[in-house]
């Protein structure tokens, strides 16, 4: 079968119910024998919430620390989706970019992929 890459934006994973719907869709592709890689955004509104917190703490947040903070939104969604898949008896594991060997340049807030070390 095929390797399928799916990307879900913040609205698609904006609630626990919507994450469950994504998990159902991924599970369906897996049951058809496909390998599936899923990329998710932070839950709807989470990036703006985190950005607001950053600006409460520092009027002009440093790009490096802002990147570190904003990436937590995606990490939360990734972990929740992995849990939802496991609940559906689908083997799943969450990864961040650095855990899978994605290397970027140092242009914080707009980094470009330089290499993927598999």
N, C-alpha and C. Protein backbone atom coordinates (compact mmCIF):
# COMPACT_ATOMS: atom_id res chain seq x y z
N UNK A 1 0.84 -1.19 0.00
CA UNK A 1 0.00 0.00 0.00
C UNK A 1 0.88 1.25 0.00
N UNK A 2 0.26 2.40 0.18
CA UNK A 2 0.94 3.68 0.04
C UNK A 2 1.35 4.28 1.38
N UNK A 3 2.33 5.19 1.31
CA UNK A 3 2.65 6.05 2.44
C UNK A 3 1.82 7.31 2.24
N UNK A 4 1.00 7.64 3.21
CA UNK A 4 0.12 8.79 3.12
C UNK A 4 0.54 9.80 4.18
N UNK A 5 0.74 11.05 3.75
CA UNK A 5 1.06 12.15 4.66
C UNK A 5 -0.17 13.04 4.74
N UNK A 6 -0.64 13.26 5.97
CA UNK A 6 -1.82 14.09 6.19
C UNK A 6 -1.43 15.28 7.06
N UNK A 7 -1.97 16.46 6.76
CA UNK A 7 -1.73 17.67 7.54
C UNK A 7 -3.07 18.21 8.02
N UNK A 8 -3.16 18.48 9.31
CA UNK A 8 -4.39 19.01 9.90
C UNK A 8 -4.08 20.34 10.58
N UNK A 9 -4.83 21.37 10.21
CA UNK A 9 -4.66 22.69 10.79
C UNK A 9 -5.38 22.83 12.11
N UNK A 10 -5.25 24.00 12.70
CA UNK A 10 -5.77 24.26 14.04
C UNK A 10 -7.26 24.03 14.20
N UNK A 11 -8.06 24.40 13.20
CA UNK A 11 -9.50 24.18 13.29
C UNK A 11 -9.83 22.70 13.28
N UNK A 12 -9.12 21.93 12.47
CA UNK A 12 -9.36 20.48 12.36
C UNK A 12 -9.05 19.75 13.66
N UNK A 13 -8.16 20.31 14.47
CA UNK A 13 -7.79 19.68 15.75
C UNK A 13 -8.13 20.61 16.92
N UNK A 14 -9.16 21.45 16.73
CA UNK A 14 -9.48 22.49 17.68
C UNK A 14 -10.16 22.06 18.96
N UNK A 15 -10.53 20.81 19.07
CA UNK A 15 -11.17 20.30 20.29
C UNK A 15 -10.84 18.81 20.41
N UNK A 16 -11.12 18.26 21.57
CA UNK A 16 -10.90 16.84 21.78
C UNK A 16 -11.77 16.03 20.81
N UNK A 17 -12.98 16.50 20.57
CA UNK A 17 -13.86 15.80 19.63
C UNK A 17 -13.28 15.81 18.22
N UNK A 18 -12.75 16.93 17.82
CA UNK A 18 -12.16 17.02 16.47
C UNK A 18 -10.89 16.18 16.35
N UNK A 19 -10.11 16.14 17.42
CA UNK A 19 -8.93 15.26 17.41
C UNK A 19 -9.38 13.82 17.27
N UNK A 20 -10.48 13.47 17.93
CA UNK A 20 -11.04 12.12 17.79
C UNK A 20 -11.45 11.82 16.36
N UNK A 21 -12.03 12.82 15.69
CA UNK A 21 -12.43 12.62 14.29
C UNK A 21 -11.21 12.42 13.39
N UNK A 22 -10.15 13.16 13.66
CA UNK A 22 -8.90 12.97 12.91
C UNK A 22 -8.36 11.57 13.17
N UNK A 23 -8.39 11.14 14.43
CA UNK A 23 -7.91 9.79 14.77
C UNK A 23 -8.73 8.73 14.04
N UNK A 24 -10.03 8.93 13.95
CA UNK A 24 -10.88 7.98 13.21
C UNK A 24 -10.47 7.91 11.74
N UNK A 25 -10.17 9.06 11.16
CA UNK A 25 -9.77 9.09 9.74
C UNK A 25 -8.43 8.39 9.54
N UNK A 26 -7.48 8.68 10.42
CA UNK A 26 -6.17 8.03 10.33
C UNK A 26 -6.33 6.52 10.52
N UNK A 27 -7.14 6.12 11.49
CA UNK A 27 -7.37 4.69 11.74
C UNK A 27 -7.96 4.00 10.52
N UNK A 28 -8.84 4.69 9.81
CA UNK A 28 -9.43 4.11 8.60
C UNK A 28 -8.35 3.85 7.54
N UNK A 29 -7.46 4.80 7.33
CA UNK A 29 -6.36 4.60 6.36
C UNK A 29 -5.45 3.46 6.80
N UNK A 30 -5.17 3.40 8.10
CA UNK A 30 -4.32 2.31 8.61
C UNK A 30 -5.00 0.96 8.40
N UNK A 31 -6.31 0.90 8.60
CA UNK A 31 -7.02 -0.37 8.44
C UNK A 31 -7.03 -0.83 6.99
N UNK A 32 -6.83 0.11 6.06
CA UNK A 32 -6.73 -0.23 4.64
C UNK A 32 -5.32 -0.66 4.26
N UNK A 33 -4.41 -0.68 5.25
CA UNK A 33 -3.05 -1.15 5.01
C UNK A 33 -2.04 -0.08 4.68
N UNK A 34 -2.43 1.18 4.76
CA UNK A 34 -1.51 2.27 4.44
C UNK A 34 -0.63 2.63 5.64
N UNK A 35 0.56 3.12 5.36
CA UNK A 35 1.38 3.77 6.38
C UNK A 35 0.97 5.23 6.37
N UNK A 36 0.84 5.83 7.55
CA UNK A 36 0.35 7.20 7.63
C UNK A 36 1.28 8.03 8.50
N UNK A 37 1.66 9.20 8.00
CA UNK A 37 2.38 10.20 8.76
C UNK A 37 1.45 11.39 8.88
N UNK A 38 1.27 11.89 10.10
CA UNK A 38 0.35 12.99 10.33
C UNK A 38 1.12 14.18 10.90
N UNK A 39 0.87 15.35 10.32
CA UNK A 39 1.44 16.60 10.80
C UNK A 39 0.28 17.45 11.30
N UNK A 40 0.40 17.97 12.51
CA UNK A 40 -0.69 18.76 13.09
C UNK A 40 -0.21 20.13 13.54
N UNK A 41 -1.14 21.06 13.51
CA UNK A 41 -0.92 22.40 14.06
C UNK A 41 -1.38 22.41 15.51
N UNK A 42 -1.12 23.51 16.18
CA UNK A 42 -1.66 23.71 17.51
C UNK A 42 -3.19 23.80 17.41
N UNK A 43 -3.86 23.45 18.48
CA UNK A 43 -5.32 23.54 18.51
C UNK A 43 -5.75 24.99 18.25
N UNK A 44 -6.89 25.14 17.64
CA UNK A 44 -7.42 26.45 17.27
C UNK A 44 -7.33 27.44 18.43
N UNK A 45 -6.71 28.59 18.19
CA UNK A 45 -6.59 29.64 19.20
C UNK A 45 -5.40 29.51 20.12
N UNK A 46 -4.75 28.35 20.14
CA UNK A 46 -3.66 28.13 21.09
C UNK A 46 -2.44 28.99 20.78
N UNK A 47 -2.07 29.12 19.53
CA UNK A 47 -0.91 29.94 19.17
C UNK A 47 -1.14 31.39 19.60
N UNK A 48 -2.33 31.92 19.35
CA UNK A 48 -2.63 33.29 19.77
C UNK A 48 -2.60 33.43 21.29
N UNK A 49 -3.10 32.42 22.00
CA UNK A 49 -3.07 32.46 23.47
C UNK A 49 -1.63 32.50 23.97
N UNK A 50 -0.78 31.65 23.41
CA UNK A 50 0.62 31.61 23.83
C UNK A 50 1.34 32.91 23.48
N UNK A 51 1.04 33.45 22.32
CA UNK A 51 1.64 34.72 21.91
C UNK A 51 1.23 35.84 22.87
N UNK A 52 -0.02 35.83 23.29
CA UNK A 52 -0.49 36.81 24.26
C UNK A 52 0.24 36.70 25.59
N UNK A 53 0.44 35.47 26.05
CA UNK A 53 1.19 35.26 27.29
C UNK A 53 2.61 35.79 27.16
N UNK A 54 3.24 35.50 26.03
CA UNK A 54 4.61 35.96 25.81
C UNK A 54 4.69 37.47 25.89
N UNK A 55 3.74 38.15 25.28
CA UNK A 55 3.76 39.62 25.26
C UNK A 55 3.42 40.22 26.61
N UNK A 56 2.73 39.46 27.47
CA UNK A 56 2.50 39.92 28.84
C UNK A 56 3.79 39.88 29.64
N UNK A 57 4.65 38.93 29.32
CA UNK A 57 5.89 38.75 30.07
C UNK A 57 7.01 39.63 29.52
N UNK A 58 7.06 39.79 28.20
CA UNK A 58 8.13 40.56 27.56
C UNK A 58 7.51 41.32 26.39
N UNK A 59 7.67 42.63 26.39
CA UNK A 59 7.02 43.45 25.36
C UNK A 59 7.44 43.08 23.94
N UNK A 60 8.68 42.69 23.76
CA UNK A 60 9.17 42.29 22.45
C UNK A 60 9.92 40.96 22.61
N UNK A 61 9.19 39.85 22.66
CA UNK A 61 9.83 38.56 22.93
C UNK A 61 10.94 38.23 21.93
N UNK A 62 12.00 37.63 22.44
CA UNK A 62 13.10 37.23 21.57
C UNK A 62 12.63 36.11 20.66
N UNK A 63 13.03 36.14 19.40
CA UNK A 63 12.56 35.12 18.44
C UNK A 63 12.84 33.69 18.88
N UNK A 64 14.00 33.43 19.46
CA UNK A 64 14.33 32.06 19.88
C UNK A 64 13.35 31.56 20.93
N UNK A 65 13.11 32.38 21.95
CA UNK A 65 12.22 31.96 23.04
C UNK A 65 10.77 31.90 22.56
N UNK A 66 10.41 32.79 21.66
CA UNK A 66 9.06 32.75 21.09
C UNK A 66 8.86 31.45 20.32
N UNK A 67 9.84 31.05 19.53
CA UNK A 67 9.76 29.76 18.83
C UNK A 67 9.61 28.61 19.81
N UNK A 68 10.41 28.64 20.89
CA UNK A 68 10.34 27.57 21.89
C UNK A 68 8.95 27.50 22.51
N UNK A 69 8.38 28.66 22.82
CA UNK A 69 7.05 28.70 23.43
C UNK A 69 5.97 28.24 22.45
N UNK A 70 5.97 28.79 21.25
CA UNK A 70 4.90 28.48 20.30
C UNK A 70 4.92 27.02 19.86
N UNK A 71 6.09 26.41 19.87
CA UNK A 71 6.16 24.99 19.46
C UNK A 71 5.44 24.08 20.45
N UNK A 72 5.20 24.56 21.66
CA UNK A 72 4.51 23.71 22.63
C UNK A 72 3.06 23.44 22.22
N UNK A 73 2.46 24.35 21.47
CA UNK A 73 1.10 24.12 21.00
C UNK A 73 0.99 22.90 20.11
N UNK A 74 1.93 22.76 19.18
CA UNK A 74 1.95 21.59 18.31
C UNK A 74 2.27 20.32 19.10
N UNK A 75 3.14 20.44 20.09
CA UNK A 75 3.50 19.26 20.89
C UNK A 75 2.29 18.72 21.65
N UNK A 76 1.47 19.62 22.17
CA UNK A 76 0.25 19.19 22.87
C UNK A 76 -0.67 18.44 21.92
N UNK A 77 -0.92 19.01 20.75
CA UNK A 77 -1.81 18.37 19.78
C UNK A 77 -1.27 17.02 19.34
N UNK A 78 0.02 16.96 19.10
CA UNK A 78 0.65 15.71 18.65
C UNK A 78 0.46 14.62 19.69
N UNK A 79 0.69 14.95 20.95
CA UNK A 79 0.54 13.96 22.02
C UNK A 79 -0.92 13.52 22.16
N UNK A 80 -1.85 14.47 22.10
CA UNK A 80 -3.27 14.11 22.22
C UNK A 80 -3.72 13.22 21.06
N UNK A 81 -3.26 13.53 19.85
CA UNK A 81 -3.63 12.69 18.71
C UNK A 81 -3.05 11.29 18.86
N UNK A 82 -1.82 11.20 19.31
CA UNK A 82 -1.21 9.89 19.53
C UNK A 82 -2.02 9.08 20.55
N UNK A 83 -2.46 9.74 21.62
CA UNK A 83 -3.28 9.07 22.63
C UNK A 83 -4.61 8.61 22.03
N UNK A 84 -5.23 9.48 21.22
CA UNK A 84 -6.52 9.13 20.59
C UNK A 84 -6.36 7.94 19.66
N UNK A 85 -5.24 7.88 18.94
CA UNK A 85 -4.99 6.73 18.05
C UNK A 85 -4.79 5.46 18.86
N UNK A 86 -4.02 5.55 19.94
CA UNK A 86 -3.80 4.37 20.79
C UNK A 86 -5.13 3.87 21.37
N UNK A 87 -6.01 4.80 21.71
CA UNK A 87 -7.34 4.43 22.23
C UNK A 87 -8.13 3.63 21.19
N UNK A 88 -7.81 3.85 19.92
CA UNK A 88 -8.46 3.14 18.82
C UNK A 88 -7.65 1.93 18.36
N UNK A 89 -6.72 1.52 19.21
CA UNK A 89 -5.84 0.36 18.94
C UNK A 89 -4.97 0.55 17.70
N UNK A 90 -4.60 1.80 17.42
CA UNK A 90 -3.68 2.11 16.33
C UNK A 90 -2.35 2.49 16.97
N UNK A 91 -1.29 1.75 16.61
CA UNK A 91 0.03 2.09 17.13
C UNK A 91 0.42 3.49 16.68
N UNK A 92 0.79 4.33 17.62
CA UNK A 92 1.14 5.71 17.29
C UNK A 92 2.17 6.23 18.27
N UNK A 93 2.95 7.18 17.79
CA UNK A 93 3.93 7.82 18.65
C UNK A 93 4.11 9.25 18.18
N UNK A 94 4.17 10.17 19.12
CA UNK A 94 4.34 11.58 18.76
C UNK A 94 5.83 11.91 18.67
N UNK A 95 6.15 12.79 17.74
CA UNK A 95 7.52 13.26 17.55
C UNK A 95 7.51 14.75 17.26
N UNK A 96 8.55 15.43 17.72
CA UNK A 96 8.77 16.81 17.31
C UNK A 96 9.79 16.80 16.18
N UNK A 97 9.96 17.92 15.53
CA UNK A 97 10.87 18.00 14.39
C UNK A 97 12.28 17.56 14.73
N UNK A 98 12.80 18.01 15.86
CA UNK A 98 14.18 17.64 16.20
C UNK A 98 14.30 16.16 16.55
N UNK A 99 13.23 15.53 16.99
CA UNK A 99 13.29 14.11 17.31
C UNK A 99 13.37 13.24 16.06
N UNK A 100 12.92 13.75 14.93
CA UNK A 100 12.99 12.98 13.69
C UNK A 100 14.11 13.46 12.78
N UNK A 101 14.98 14.30 13.30
CA UNK A 101 16.17 14.70 12.54
C UNK A 101 15.97 15.82 11.55
N UNK A 102 14.99 16.68 11.77
CA UNK A 102 14.81 17.83 10.89
C UNK A 102 15.68 18.97 11.41
N UNK A 103 16.60 19.41 10.56
CA UNK A 103 17.51 20.50 10.92
C UNK A 103 17.15 21.74 10.12
N UNK A 104 17.09 22.88 10.82
CA UNK A 104 16.74 24.14 10.16
C UNK A 104 17.88 25.14 10.29
N UNK A 105 17.75 26.25 9.56
CA UNK A 105 18.69 27.34 9.76
C UNK A 105 18.32 28.05 11.06
N UNK A 106 18.99 29.13 11.39
CA UNK A 106 18.74 29.79 12.67
C UNK A 106 17.85 31.03 12.51
N UNK A 107 17.07 31.09 11.46
CA UNK A 107 16.16 32.22 11.24
C UNK A 107 14.88 31.98 12.04
N UNK A 108 14.92 32.31 13.32
CA UNK A 108 13.77 32.06 14.19
C UNK A 108 12.52 32.75 13.67
N UNK A 109 11.40 32.10 13.84
CA UNK A 109 10.07 32.51 13.38
C UNK A 109 9.85 32.32 11.89
N UNK A 110 10.89 31.97 11.16
CA UNK A 110 10.74 31.70 9.72
C UNK A 110 11.85 30.76 9.23
N UNK A 111 12.19 29.81 10.06
CA UNK A 111 13.29 28.88 9.74
C UNK A 111 12.97 28.05 8.51
N UNK A 112 14.01 27.72 7.79
CA UNK A 112 13.90 26.89 6.59
C UNK A 112 14.61 25.56 6.87
N UNK A 113 14.03 24.48 6.39
CA UNK A 113 14.65 23.17 6.56
C UNK A 113 15.94 23.13 5.76
N UNK A 114 17.01 22.71 6.43
CA UNK A 114 18.31 22.57 5.79
C UNK A 114 18.63 21.11 5.46
N UNK A 115 18.15 20.21 6.34
CA UNK A 115 18.48 18.80 6.16
C UNK A 115 17.50 17.96 6.97
N UNK A 116 17.28 16.75 6.51
CA UNK A 116 16.51 15.77 7.26
C UNK A 116 17.40 14.55 7.40
N UNK A 117 17.79 14.25 8.63
CA UNK A 117 18.70 13.14 8.90
C UNK A 117 17.90 11.94 9.36
N UNK A 118 17.68 11.03 8.46
CA UNK A 118 16.90 9.84 8.78
C UNK A 118 17.77 8.73 9.32
